[in-house]
């Protein structure tokens, strides 16, 4: 069993859930998050209120699942990211699970 974590901008949230379904990952959790990039963008520097910071509305999905389902999802994500016209790819990582209850 491994821990799979996927981040995506809000715009592609539905597509990620579709990819999870295609990879047969049926049990997962999700949360709304704010995504940030450094350095501060030109837009932030030119803001009327430069000390007010905001992130990009994003989502974090995670699942404890098997390696074969993760491999399938990674292939689907590679295919999806290859067809993007924006600079906001789906990002995924895998963390081994040493112990669980």
PDB file of N, CA and C in Angstrom:
ATOM      1  N   UNK A   1       0.845  -1.174   0.000  1.00  0.00           N
ATOM      2  CA  UNK A   1       0.000   0.000   0.000  1.00  0.00           C
ATOM      3  C   UNK A   1       0.892   1.240   0.000  1.00  0.00           C
ATOM      4  N   UNK A   2       0.458   2.242  -0.750  1.00  0.00           N
ATOM      5  CA  UNK A   2       1.198   3.497  -0.823  1.00  0.00           C
ATOM      6  C   UNK A   2       0.225   4.660  -0.706  1.00  0.00           C
ATOM      7  N   UNK A   3       0.763   5.814  -0.335  1.00  0.00           N
ATOM      8  CA  UNK A   3      -0.035   7.025  -0.254  1.00  0.00           C
ATOM      9  C   UNK A   3       0.170   7.820  -1.535  1.00  0.00           C
ATOM     10  N   UNK A   4      -0.897   8.051  -2.252  1.00  0.00           N
ATOM     11  CA  UNK A   4      -0.891   8.825  -3.483  1.00  0.00           C
ATOM     12  C   UNK A   4      -1.439  10.212  -3.178  1.00  0.00           C
ATOM     13  N   UNK A   5      -0.719  11.247  -3.624  1.00  0.00           N
ATOM     14  CA  UNK A   5      -1.179  12.629  -3.434  1.00  0.00           C
ATOM     15  C   UNK A   5      -1.166  13.335  -4.786  1.00  0.00           C
ATOM     16  N   UNK A   6      -2.266  14.006  -5.107  1.00  0.00           N
ATOM     17  CA  UNK A   6      -2.421  14.687  -6.392  1.00  0.00           C
ATOM     18  C   UNK A   6      -2.887  16.104  -6.133  1.00  0.00           C
ATOM     19  N   UNK A   7      -2.215  17.073  -6.769  1.00  0.00           N
ATOM     20  CA  UNK A   7      -2.652  18.463  -6.695  1.00  0.00           C
ATOM     21  C   UNK A   7      -3.018  18.955  -8.084  1.00  0.00           C
ATOM     22  N   UNK A   8      -4.003  19.847  -8.120  1.00  0.00           N
ATOM     23  CA  UNK A   8      -4.502  20.349  -9.394  1.00  0.00           C
ATOM     24  C   UNK A   8      -5.193  21.690  -9.166  1.00  0.00           C
ATOM     25  N   UNK A   9      -5.122  22.567 -10.166  1.00  0.00           N
ATOM     26  CA  UNK A   9      -5.883  23.814 -10.071  1.00  0.00           C
ATOM     27  C   UNK A   9      -7.365  23.465 -10.164  1.00  0.00           C
ATOM     28  N   UNK A  10      -8.179  24.293  -9.548  1.00  0.00           N
ATOM     29  CA  UNK A  10      -9.616  24.032  -9.461  1.00  0.00           C
ATOM     30  C   UNK A  10     -10.252  23.750 -10.830  1.00  0.00           C
ATOM     31  N   UNK A  11      -9.728  24.363 -11.858  1.00  0.00           N
ATOM     32  CA  UNK A  11     -10.266  24.222 -13.218  1.00  0.00           C
ATOM     33  C   UNK A  11     -10.294  22.767 -13.683  1.00  0.00           C
ATOM     34  N   UNK A  12      -9.347  21.935 -13.210  1.00  0.00           N
ATOM     35  CA  UNK A  12      -9.238  20.554 -13.664  1.00  0.00           C
ATOM     36  C   UNK A  12      -9.688  19.538 -12.618  1.00  0.00           C
ATOM     37  N   UNK A  13     -10.408  19.981 -11.604  1.00  0.00           N
ATOM     38  CA  UNK A  13     -10.826  19.087 -10.526  1.00  0.00           C
ATOM     39  C   UNK A  13     -11.677  17.919 -11.042  1.00  0.00           C
ATOM     40  N   UNK A  14     -12.651  18.193 -11.881  1.00  0.00           N
ATOM     41  CA  UNK A  14     -13.518  17.142 -12.415  1.00  0.00           C
ATOM     42  C   UNK A  14     -12.713  16.140 -13.241  1.00  0.00           C
ATOM     43  N   UNK A  15     -11.753  16.631 -14.029  1.00  0.00           N
ATOM     44  CA  UNK A  15     -10.936  15.734 -14.849  1.00  0.00           C
ATOM     45  C   UNK A  15     -10.118  14.787 -13.972  1.00  0.00           C
ATOM     46  N   UNK A  16      -9.599  15.283 -12.850  1.00  0.00           N
ATOM     47  CA  UNK A  16      -8.829  14.422 -11.948  1.00  0.00           C
ATOM     48  C   UNK A  16      -9.721  13.320 -11.389  1.00  0.00           C
ATOM     49  N   UNK A  17     -10.934  13.659 -11.010  1.00  0.00           N
ATOM     50  CA  UNK A  17     -11.845  12.638 -10.488  1.00  0.00           C
ATOM     51  C   UNK A  17     -12.159  11.602 -11.568  1.00  0.00           C
ATOM     52  N   UNK A  18     -12.278  12.034 -12.806  1.00  0.00           N
ATOM     53  CA  UNK A  18     -12.483  11.097 -13.919  1.00  0.00           C
ATOM     54  C   UNK A  18     -11.264  10.177 -14.093  1.00  0.00           C
ATOM     55  N   UNK A  19     -10.055  10.742 -13.945  1.00  0.00           N
ATOM     56  CA  UNK A  19      -8.836   9.940 -14.071  1.00  0.00           C
ATOM     57  C   UNK A  19      -8.744   8.910 -12.946  1.00  0.00           C
ATOM     58  N   UNK A  20      -9.130   9.296 -11.740  1.00  0.00           N
ATOM     59  CA  UNK A  20      -9.157   8.350 -10.619  1.00  0.00           C
ATOM     60  C   UNK A  20     -10.097   7.189 -10.953  1.00  0.00           C
ATOM     61  N   UNK A  21     -11.255   7.510 -11.508  1.00  0.00           N
ATOM     62  CA  UNK A  21     -12.229   6.472 -11.856  1.00  0.00           C
ATOM     63  C   UNK A  21     -11.667   5.532 -12.923  1.00  0.00           C
ATOM     64  N   UNK A  22     -11.032   6.091 -13.958  1.00  0.00           N
ATOM     65  CA  UNK A  22     -10.449   5.272 -15.023  1.00  0.00           C
ATOM     66  C   UNK A  22      -9.342   4.359 -14.494  1.00  0.00           C
ATOM     67  N   UNK A  23      -8.607   4.825 -13.492  1.00  0.00           N
ATOM     68  CA  UNK A  23      -7.527   4.030 -12.895  1.00  0.00           C
ATOM     69  C   UNK A  23      -8.054   3.065 -11.828  1.00  0.00           C
ATOM     70  N   UNK A  24      -9.367   3.062 -11.642  1.00  0.00           N
ATOM     71  CA  UNK A  24     -10.041   2.195 -10.667  1.00  0.00           C
ATOM     72  C   UNK A  24      -9.637   2.484  -9.225  1.00  0.00           C
ATOM     73  N   UNK A  25      -9.355   3.757  -8.962  1.00  0.00           N
ATOM     74  CA  UNK A  25      -9.109   4.199  -7.588  1.00  0.00           C
ATOM     75  C   UNK A  25     -10.436   4.756  -7.086  1.00  0.00           C
ATOM     76  N   UNK A  26     -11.144   3.933  -6.331  1.00  0.00           N
ATOM     77  CA  UNK A  26     -12.505   4.277  -5.930  1.00  0.00           C
ATOM     78  C   UNK A  26     -12.578   4.999  -4.593  1.00  0.00           C
ATOM     79  N   UNK A  27     -11.578   4.804  -3.745  1.00  0.00           N
ATOM     80  CA  UNK A  27     -11.589   5.423  -2.420  1.00  0.00           C
ATOM     81  C   UNK A  27     -10.495   6.473  -2.339  1.00  0.00           C
ATOM     82  N   UNK A  28     -10.904   7.716  -2.186  1.00  0.00           N
ATOM     83  CA  UNK A  28      -9.942   8.806  -2.048  1.00  0.00           C
ATOM     84  C   UNK A  28     -10.604   9.953  -1.309  1.00  0.00           C
ATOM     85  N   UNK A  29      -9.789  10.868  -0.862  1.00  0.00           N
ATOM     86  CA  UNK A  29     -10.271  12.049  -0.165  1.00  0.00           C
ATOM     87  C   UNK A  29      -9.771  13.282  -0.897  1.00  0.00           C
ATOM     88  N   UNK A  30     -10.437  14.398  -0.664  1.00  0.00           N
ATOM     89  CA  UNK A  30     -10.031  15.633  -1.309  1.00  0.00           C
ATOM     90  C   UNK A  30     -10.232  16.824  -0.393  1.00  0.00           C
ATOM     91  N   UNK A  31      -9.513  17.889  -0.711  1.00  0.00           N
ATOM     92  CA  UNK A  31      -9.599  19.096   0.080  1.00  0.00           C
ATOM     93  C   UNK A  31      -9.280  20.299  -0.791  1.00  0.00           C
ATOM     94  N   UNK A  32      -9.945  21.407  -0.526  1.00  0.00           N
ATOM     95  CA  UNK A  32      -9.624  22.654  -1.216  1.00  0.00           C
ATOM     96  C   UNK A  32      -8.384  23.259  -0.578  1.00  0.00           C
ATOM     97  N   UNK A  33      -7.465  23.728  -1.411  1.00  0.00           N
ATOM     98  CA  UNK A  33      -6.239  24.360  -0.930  1.00  0.00           C
ATOM     99  C   UNK A  33      -5.947  25.589  -1.773  1.00  0.00           C
ATOM    100  N   UNK A  34      -5.039  26.421  -1.312  1.00  0.00           N
ATOM    101  CA  UNK A  34      -4.535  27.548  -2.092  1.00  0.00           C
ATOM    102  C   UNK A  34      -3.131  27.198  -2.547  1.00  0.00           C
ATOM    103  N   UNK A  35      -2.866  27.356  -3.840  1.00  0.00           N
ATOM    104  CA  UNK A  35      -1.546  27.082  -4.382  1.00  0.00           C
ATOM    105  C   UNK A  35      -0.762  28.367  -4.563  1.00  0.00           C
ATOM    106  N   UNK A  36       0.526  28.327  -4.280  1.00  0.00           N
ATOM    107  CA  UNK A  36       1.396  29.501  -4.397  1.00  0.00           C
ATOM    108  C   UNK A  36       2.625  29.149  -5.204  1.00  0.00           C
ATOM    109  N   UNK A  37       3.152  30.145  -5.907  1.00  0.00           N
ATOM    110  CA  UNK A  37       4.420  30.000  -6.618  1.00  0.00           C
ATOM    111  C   UNK A  37       5.315  31.149  -6.192  1.00  0.00           C
ATOM    112  N   UNK A  38       6.595  30.885  -6.061  1.00  0.00           N
ATOM    113  CA  UNK A  38       7.574  31.935  -5.788  1.00  0.00           C
ATOM    114  C   UNK A  38       8.397  32.137  -7.029  1.00  0.00           C
ATOM    115  N   UNK A  39       8.883  33.259  -7.382  1.00  0.00           N
ATOM    116  CA  UNK A  39       8.730  34.517  -6.663  1.00  0.00           C
ATOM    117  C   UNK A  39       7.343  35.111  -6.871  1.00  0.00           C
ATOM    118  N   UNK A  40       7.070  36.153  -6.101  1.00  0.00           N
ATOM    119  CA  UNK A  40       5.784  36.831  -6.193  1.00  0.00           C
ATOM    120  C   UNK A  40       5.595  37.340  -7.617  1.00  0.00           C
ATOM    121  N   UNK A  41       4.434  37.105  -8.149  1.00  0.00           N
ATOM    122  CA  UNK A  41       4.161  37.477  -9.535  1.00  0.00           C
ATOM    123  C   UNK A  41       4.147  38.998  -9.704  1.00  0.00           C
ATOM    124  N   UNK A  42       4.331  39.421 -10.938  1.00  0.00           N
ATOM    125  CA  UNK A  42       4.284  40.841 -11.274  1.00  0.00           C
ATOM    126  C   UNK A  42       2.954  41.442 -10.864  1.00  0.00           C
ATOM    127  N   UNK A  43       1.873  40.684 -11.012  1.00  0.00           N
ATOM    128  CA  UNK A  43       0.559  41.163 -10.632  1.00  0.00           C
ATOM    129  C   UNK A  43       0.501  41.488  -9.146  1.00  0.00           C
ATOM    130  N   UNK A  44       1.107  40.624  -8.323  1.00  0.00           N
ATOM    131  CA  UNK A  44       1.122  40.870  -6.880  1.00  0.00           C
ATOM    132  C   UNK A  44       1.940  42.112  -6.557  1.00  0.00           C
ATOM    133  N   UNK A  45       3.071  42.307  -7.227  1.00  0.00           N
ATOM    134  CA  UNK A  45       3.933  43.453  -6.964  1.00  0.00           C
ATOM    135  C   UNK A  45       3.252  44.758  -7.315  1.00  0.00           C
ATOM    136  N   UNK A  46       2.384  44.715  -8.324  1.00  0.00           N
ATOM    137  CA  UNK A  46       1.743  45.942  -8.769  1.00  0.00           C
ATOM    138  C   UNK A  46       0.381  46.153  -8.118  1.00  0.00           C
ATOM    139  N   UNK A  47       0.042  45.313  -7.152  1.00  0.00           N
ATOM    140  CA  UNK A  47      -1.249  45.397  -6.493  1.00  0.00           C
ATOM    141  C   UNK A  47      -1.370  46.686  -5.684  1.00  0.00           C
ATOM    142  N   UNK A  48      -2.598  47.181  -5.580  1.00  0.00           N
ATOM    143  CA  UNK A  48      -2.846  48.349  -4.733  1.00  0.00           C
ATOM    144  C   UNK A  48      -2.595  48.002  -3.268  1.00  0.00           C
ATOM    145  N   UNK A  49      -2.781  46.751  -2.936  1.00  0.00           N
ATOM    146  CA  UNK A  49      -2.589  46.291  -1.568  1.00  0.00           C
ATOM    147  C   UNK A  49      -1.565  45.156  -1.581  1.00  0.00           C
ATOM    148  N   UNK A  50      -0.270  45.481  -1.731  1.00  0.00           N
ATOM    149  CA  UNK A  50       0.748  44.439  -1.921  1.00  0.00           C
ATOM    150  C   UNK A  50       0.920  43.493  -0.737  1.00  0.00           C
ATOM    151  N   UNK A  51       0.506  43.884   0.459  1.00  0.00           N
ATOM    152  CA  UNK A  51       0.654  42.974   1.594  1.00  0.00           C
ATOM    153  C   UNK A  51      -0.505  41.990   1.707  1.00  0.00           C
ATOM    154  N   UNK A  52      -1.512  42.112   0.828  1.00  0.00           N
ATOM    155  CA  UNK A  52      -2.614  41.161   0.789  1.00  0.00           C
ATOM    156  C   UNK A  52      -2.245  40.083  -0.222  1.00  0.00           C
ATOM    157  N   UNK A  53      -2.041  38.872   0.273  1.00  0.00           N
ATOM    158  CA  UNK A  53      -1.603  37.786  -0.601  1.00  0.00           C
ATOM    159  C   UNK A  53      -2.755  36.815  -0.831  1.00  0.00           C
ATOM    160  N   UNK A  54      -2.806  36.282  -2.022  1.00  0.00           N
ATOM    161  CA  UNK A  54      -3.815  35.288  -2.348  1.00  0.00           C
ATOM    162  C   UNK A  54      -3.209  34.203  -3.191  1.00  0.00           C
ATOM    163  N   UNK A  55      -3.716  33.017  -3.049  1.00  0.00           N
ATOM    164  CA  UNK A  55      -3.212  31.900  -3.829  1.00  0.00           C
ATOM    165  C   UNK A  55      -4.188  31.522  -4.921  1.00  0.00           C
ATOM    166  N   UNK A  56      -3.793  30.542  -5.685  1.00  0.00           N
ATOM    167  CA  UNK A  56      -4.635  30.006  -6.742  1.00  0.00           C
ATOM    168  C   UNK A  56      -5.500  28.916  -6.131  1.00  0.00           C
ATOM    169  N   UNK A  57      -6.803  28.986  -6.385  1.00  0.00           N
ATOM    170  CA  UNK A  57      -7.691  27.968  -5.846  1.00  0.00           C
ATOM    171  C   UNK A  57      -7.343  26.632  -6.477  1.00  0.00           C
ATOM    172  N   UNK A  58      -7.027  25.655  -5.624  1.00  0.00           N
ATOM    173  CA  UNK A  58      -6.565  24.351  -6.067  1.00  0.00           C
ATOM    174  C   UNK A  58      -7.220  23.262  -5.232  1.00  0.00           C
ATOM    175  N   UNK A  59      -6.942  22.025  -5.607  1.00  0.00           N
ATOM    176  CA  UNK A  59      -7.465  20.879  -4.864  1.00  0.00           C
ATOM    177  C   UNK A  59      -6.342  19.888  -4.603  1.00  0.00           C
ATOM    178  N   UNK A  60      -6.437  19.216  -3.477  1.00  0.00           N
ATOM    179  CA  UNK A  60      -5.518  18.144  -3.108  1.00  0.00           C
ATOM    180  C   UNK A  60      -6.349  16.876  -2.943  1.00  0.00           C
ATOM    181  N   UNK A  61      -5.960  15.826  -3.644  1.00  0.00           N
ATOM    182  CA  UNK A  61      -6.606  14.527  -3.506  1.00  0.00           C
ATOM    183  C   UNK A  61      -5.577  13.545  -2.965  1.00  0.00           C
ATOM    184  N   UNK A  62      -6.012  12.620  -2.114  1.00  0.00           N
ATOM    185  CA  UNK A  62      -5.085  11.601  -1.639  1.00  0.00           C
ATOM    186  C   UNK A  62      -5.818  10.285  -1.434  1.00  0.00           C
ATOM    187  N   UNK A  63      -5.050   9.207  -1.599  1.00  0.00           N
ATOM    188  CA  UNK A  63      -5.620   7.873  -1.485  1.00  0.00           C
ATOM    189  C   UNK A  63      -4.544   6.895  -1.037  1.00  0.00           C
ATOM    190  N   UNK A  64      -4.927   5.958  -0.176  1.00  0.00           N
ATOM    191  CA  UNK A  64      -4.075   4.820   0.155  1.00  0.00           C
ATOM    192  C   UNK A  64      -4.489   3.723  -0.820  1.00  0.00           C
ATOM    193  N   UNK A  65      -3.591   3.373  -1.732  1.00  0.00           N
ATOM    194  CA  UNK A  65      -3.968   2.433  -2.780  1.00  0.00           C
ATOM    195  C   UNK A  65      -2.782   1.577  -3.223  1.00  0.00           C
ATOM    196  N   UNK A  66      -3.040   0.666  -4.125  1.00  0.00           N
ATOM    197  CA  UNK A  66      -2.003  -0.263  -4.583  1.00  0.00           C
ATOM    198  C   UNK A  66      -1.189   0.325  -5.729  1.00  0.00           C
ATOM    199  N   UNK A  67       0.007  -0.219  -5.906  1.00  0.00           N
ATOM    200  CA  UNK A  67       0.947   0.295  -6.898  1.00  0.00           C
ATOM    201  C   UNK A  67       0.425   0.167  -8.333  1.00  0.00           C
ATOM    202  N   UNK A  68      -0.295  -0.915  -8.640  1.00  0.00           N
ATOM    203  CA  UNK A  68      -0.792  -1.079 -10.004  1.00  0.00           C
ATOM    204  C   UNK A  68      -1.807  -0.002 -10.377  1.00  0.00           C
ATOM    205  N   UNK A  69      -2.637   0.414  -9.422  1.00  0.00           N
ATOM    206  CA  UNK A  69      -3.601   1.490  -9.694  1.00  0.00           C
ATOM    207  C   UNK A  69      -2.889   2.829  -9.818  1.00  0.00           C
ATOM    208  N   UNK A  70      -1.834   3.018  -9.042  1.00  0.00           N
ATOM    209  CA  UNK A  70      -1.040   4.247  -9.134  1.00  0.00           C
ATOM    210  C   UNK A  70      -0.363   4.325 -10.492  1.00  0.00           C
ATOM    211  N   UNK A  71       0.202   3.208 -10.960  1.00  0.00           N
ATOM    212  CA  UNK A  71       0.845   3.185 -12.276  1.00  0.00           C
ATOM    213  C   UNK A  71      -0.151   3.572 -13.369  1.00  0.00           C
ATOM    214  N   UNK A  72      -1.363   3.045 -13.290  1.00  0.00           N
ATOM    215  CA  UNK A  72      -2.396   3.369 -14.277  1.00  0.00           C
ATOM    216  C   UNK A  72      -2.733   4.860 -14.227  1.00  0.00           C
ATOM    217  N   UNK A  73      -2.869   5.403 -13.023  1.00  0.00           N
ATOM    218  CA  UNK A  73      -3.189   6.827 -12.888  1.00  0.00           C
ATOM    219  C   UNK A  73      -2.067   7.701 -13.434  1.00  0.00           C
ATOM    220  N   UNK A  74      -0.807   7.339 -13.146  1.00  0.00           N
ATOM    221  CA  UNK A  74       0.322   8.135 -13.643  1.00  0.00           C
ATOM    222  C   UNK A  74       0.335   8.180 -15.174  1.00  0.00           C
ATOM    223  N   UNK A  75       0.015   7.068 -15.821  1.00  0.00           N
ATOM    224  CA  UNK A  75      -0.046   7.064 -17.290  1.00  0.00           C
ATOM    225  C   UNK A  75      -1.151   7.993 -17.789  1.00  0.00           C
ATOM    226  N   UNK A  76      -2.301   7.956 -17.126  1.00  0.00           N
ATOM    227  CA  UNK A  76      -3.412   8.834 -17.507  1.00  0.00           C
ATOM    228  C   UNK A  76      -3.060  10.303 -17.285  1.00  0.00           C
ATOM    229  N   UNK A  77      -2.361  10.602 -16.182  1.00  0.00           N
ATOM    230  CA  UNK A  77      -1.958  11.981 -15.902  1.00  0.00           C
ATOM    231  C   UNK A  77      -0.952  12.463 -16.943  1.00  0.00           C
ATOM    232  N   UNK A  78       0.021  11.611 -17.309  1.00  0.00           N
ATOM    233  CA  UNK A  78       0.997  11.985 -18.348  1.00  0.00           C
ATOM    234  C   UNK A  78       0.290  12.345 -19.645  1.00  0.00           C
ATOM    235  N   UNK A  79      -0.673  11.532 -20.024  1.00  0.00           N
ATOM    236  CA  UNK A  79      -1.439  11.778 -21.247  1.00  0.00           C
ATOM    237  C   UNK A  79      -2.209  13.094 -21.144  1.00  0.00           C
ATOM    238  N   UNK A  80      -2.867  13.311 -20.008  1.00  0.00           N
ATOM    239  CA  UNK A  80      -3.638  14.542 -19.793  1.00  0.00           C
ATOM    240  C   UNK A  80      -2.730  15.768 -19.842  1.00  0.00           C
ATOM    241  N   UNK A  81      -1.618  15.722 -19.108  1.00  0.00           N
ATOM    242  CA  UNK A  81      -0.705  16.865 -19.065  1.00  0.00           C
ATOM    243  C   UNK A  81      -0.093  17.156 -20.435  1.00  0.00           C
ATOM    244  N   UNK A  82       0.107  16.127 -21.234  1.00  0.00           N
ATOM    245  CA  UNK A  82       0.675  16.305 -22.567  1.00  0.00           C
ATOM    246  C   UNK A  82      -0.226  17.080 -23.503  1.00  0.00           C
ATOM    247  N   UNK A  83      -1.510  17.108 -23.203  1.00  0.00           N
ATOM    248  CA  UNK A  83      -2.457  17.811 -24.074  1.00  0.00           C
ATOM    249  C   UNK A  83      -2.856  19.186 -23.539  1.00  0.00           C
ATOM    250  N   UNK A  84      -2.269  19.603 -22.428  1.00  0.00           N
ATOM    251  CA  UNK A  84      -2.634  20.898 -21.826  1.00  0.00           C
ATOM    252  C   UNK A  84      -2.082  22.070 -22.621  1.00  0.00           C
ATOM    253  N   UNK A  85      -2.854  23.143 -22.661  1.00  0.00           N
ATOM    254  CA  UNK A  85      -2.400  24.374 -23.286  1.00  0.00           C
ATOM    255  C   UNK A  85      -2.070  25.429 -22.234  1.00  0.00           C
ATOM    256  N   UNK A  86      -2.170  25.066 -20.962  1.00  0.00           N
ATOM    257  CA  UNK A  86      -1.853  25.987 -19.873  1.00  0.00           C
ATOM    258  C   UNK A  86      -0.590  25.515 -19.167  1.00  0.00           C
ATOM    259  N   UNK A  87      -0.118  26.315 -18.221  1.00  0.00           N
ATOM    260  CA  UNK A  87       1.066  25.963 -17.445  1.00  0.00           C
ATOM    261  C   UNK A  87       0.657  25.474 -16.050  1.00  0.00           C
ATOM    262  N   UNK A  88      -0.431  24.704 -15.991  1.00  0.00           N
ATOM    263  CA  UNK A  88      -0.932  24.199 -14.720  1.00  0.00           C
ATOM    264  C   UNK A  88      -1.175  22.701 -14.792  1.00  0.00           C
ATOM    265  N   UNK A  89      -0.104  21.911 -14.905  1.00  0.00           N
ATOM    266  CA  UNK A  89      -0.294  20.462 -15.021  1.00  0.00           C
ATOM    267  C   UNK A  89      -0.780  19.847 -13.711  1.00  0.00           C
ATOM    268  N   UNK A  90      -1.370  18.676 -13.838  1.00  0.00           N
ATOM    269  CA  UNK A  90      -1.691  17.878 -12.660  1.00  0.00           C
ATOM    270  C   UNK A  90      -0.365  17.356 -12.114  1.00  0.00           C
ATOM    271  N   UNK A  91      -0.196  17.444 -10.807  1.00  0.00           N
ATOM    272  CA  UNK A  91       1.028  16.954 -10.175  1.00  0.00           C
ATOM    273  C   UNK A  91       0.667  15.831  -9.216  1.00  0.00           C
ATOM    274  N   UNK A  92       1.499  14.795  -9.197  1.00  0.00           N
ATOM    275  CA  UNK A  92       1.227  13.649  -8.329  1.00  0.00           C
ATOM    276  C   UNK A  92       2.525  13.133  -7.728  1.00  0.00           C
ATOM    277  N   UNK A  93       2.420  12.648  -6.498  1.00  0.00           N
ATOM    278  CA  UNK A  93       3.562  12.009  -5.837  1.00  0.00           C
ATOM    279  C   UNK A  93       3.072  10.744  -5.144  1.00  0.00           C
ATOM    280  N   UNK A  94       4.011   9.862  -4.855  1.00  0.00           N
ATOM    281  CA  UNK A  94       3.704   8.623  -4.137  1.00  0.00           C
ATOM    282  C   UNK A  94       4.647   8.530  -2.947  1.00  0.00           C
ATOM    283  N   UNK A  95       4.087   8.187  -1.806  1.00  0.00           N
ATOM    284  CA  UNK A  95       4.854   8.047  -0.575  1.00  0.00           C
ATOM    285  C   UNK A  95       4.640   6.639  -0.036  1.00  0.00           C
ATOM    286  N   UNK A  96       5.725   5.899   0.223  1.00  0.00           N
ATOM    287  CA  UNK A  96       5.530   4.556   0.786  1.00  0.00           C
ATOM    288  C   UNK A  96       4.963   4.632   2.198  1.00  0.00           C
ATOM    289  N   UNK A  97       4.146   3.672   2.539  1.00  0.00           N
ATOM    290  CA  UNK A  97       3.546   3.608   3.858  1.00  0.00           C
ATOM    291  C   UNK A  97       4.266   2.515   4.642  1.00  0.00           C
ATOM    292  N   UNK A  98       4.942   2.908   5.726  1.00  0.00           N
ATOM    293  CA  UNK A  98       5.691   1.947   6.526  1.00  0.00           C
ATOM    294  C   UNK A  98       4.795   1.187   7.487  1.00  0.00           C
ATOM    295  N   UNK A  99       3.827   1.890   8.059  1.00  0.00           N
ATOM    296  CA  UNK A  99       2.927   1.267   9.027  1.00  0.00           C
ATOM    297  C   UNK A  99       1.538   1.870   8.874  1.00  0.00           C
ATOM    298  N   UNK A 100       0.536   1.081   9.184  1.00  0.00           N
ATOM    299  CA  UNK A 100      -0.821   1.607   9.198  1.00  0.00           C
ATOM    300  C   UNK A 100      -1.660   0.783  10.157  1.00  0.00           C
ATOM    301  N   UNK A 101      -2.750   1.352  10.586  1.00  0.00           N
ATOM    302  CA  UNK A 101      -3.684   0.651  11.487  1.00  0.00           C
ATOM    303  C   UNK A 101      -5.063   0.743  10.861  1.00  0.00           C
TER     304      UNK A 101
END
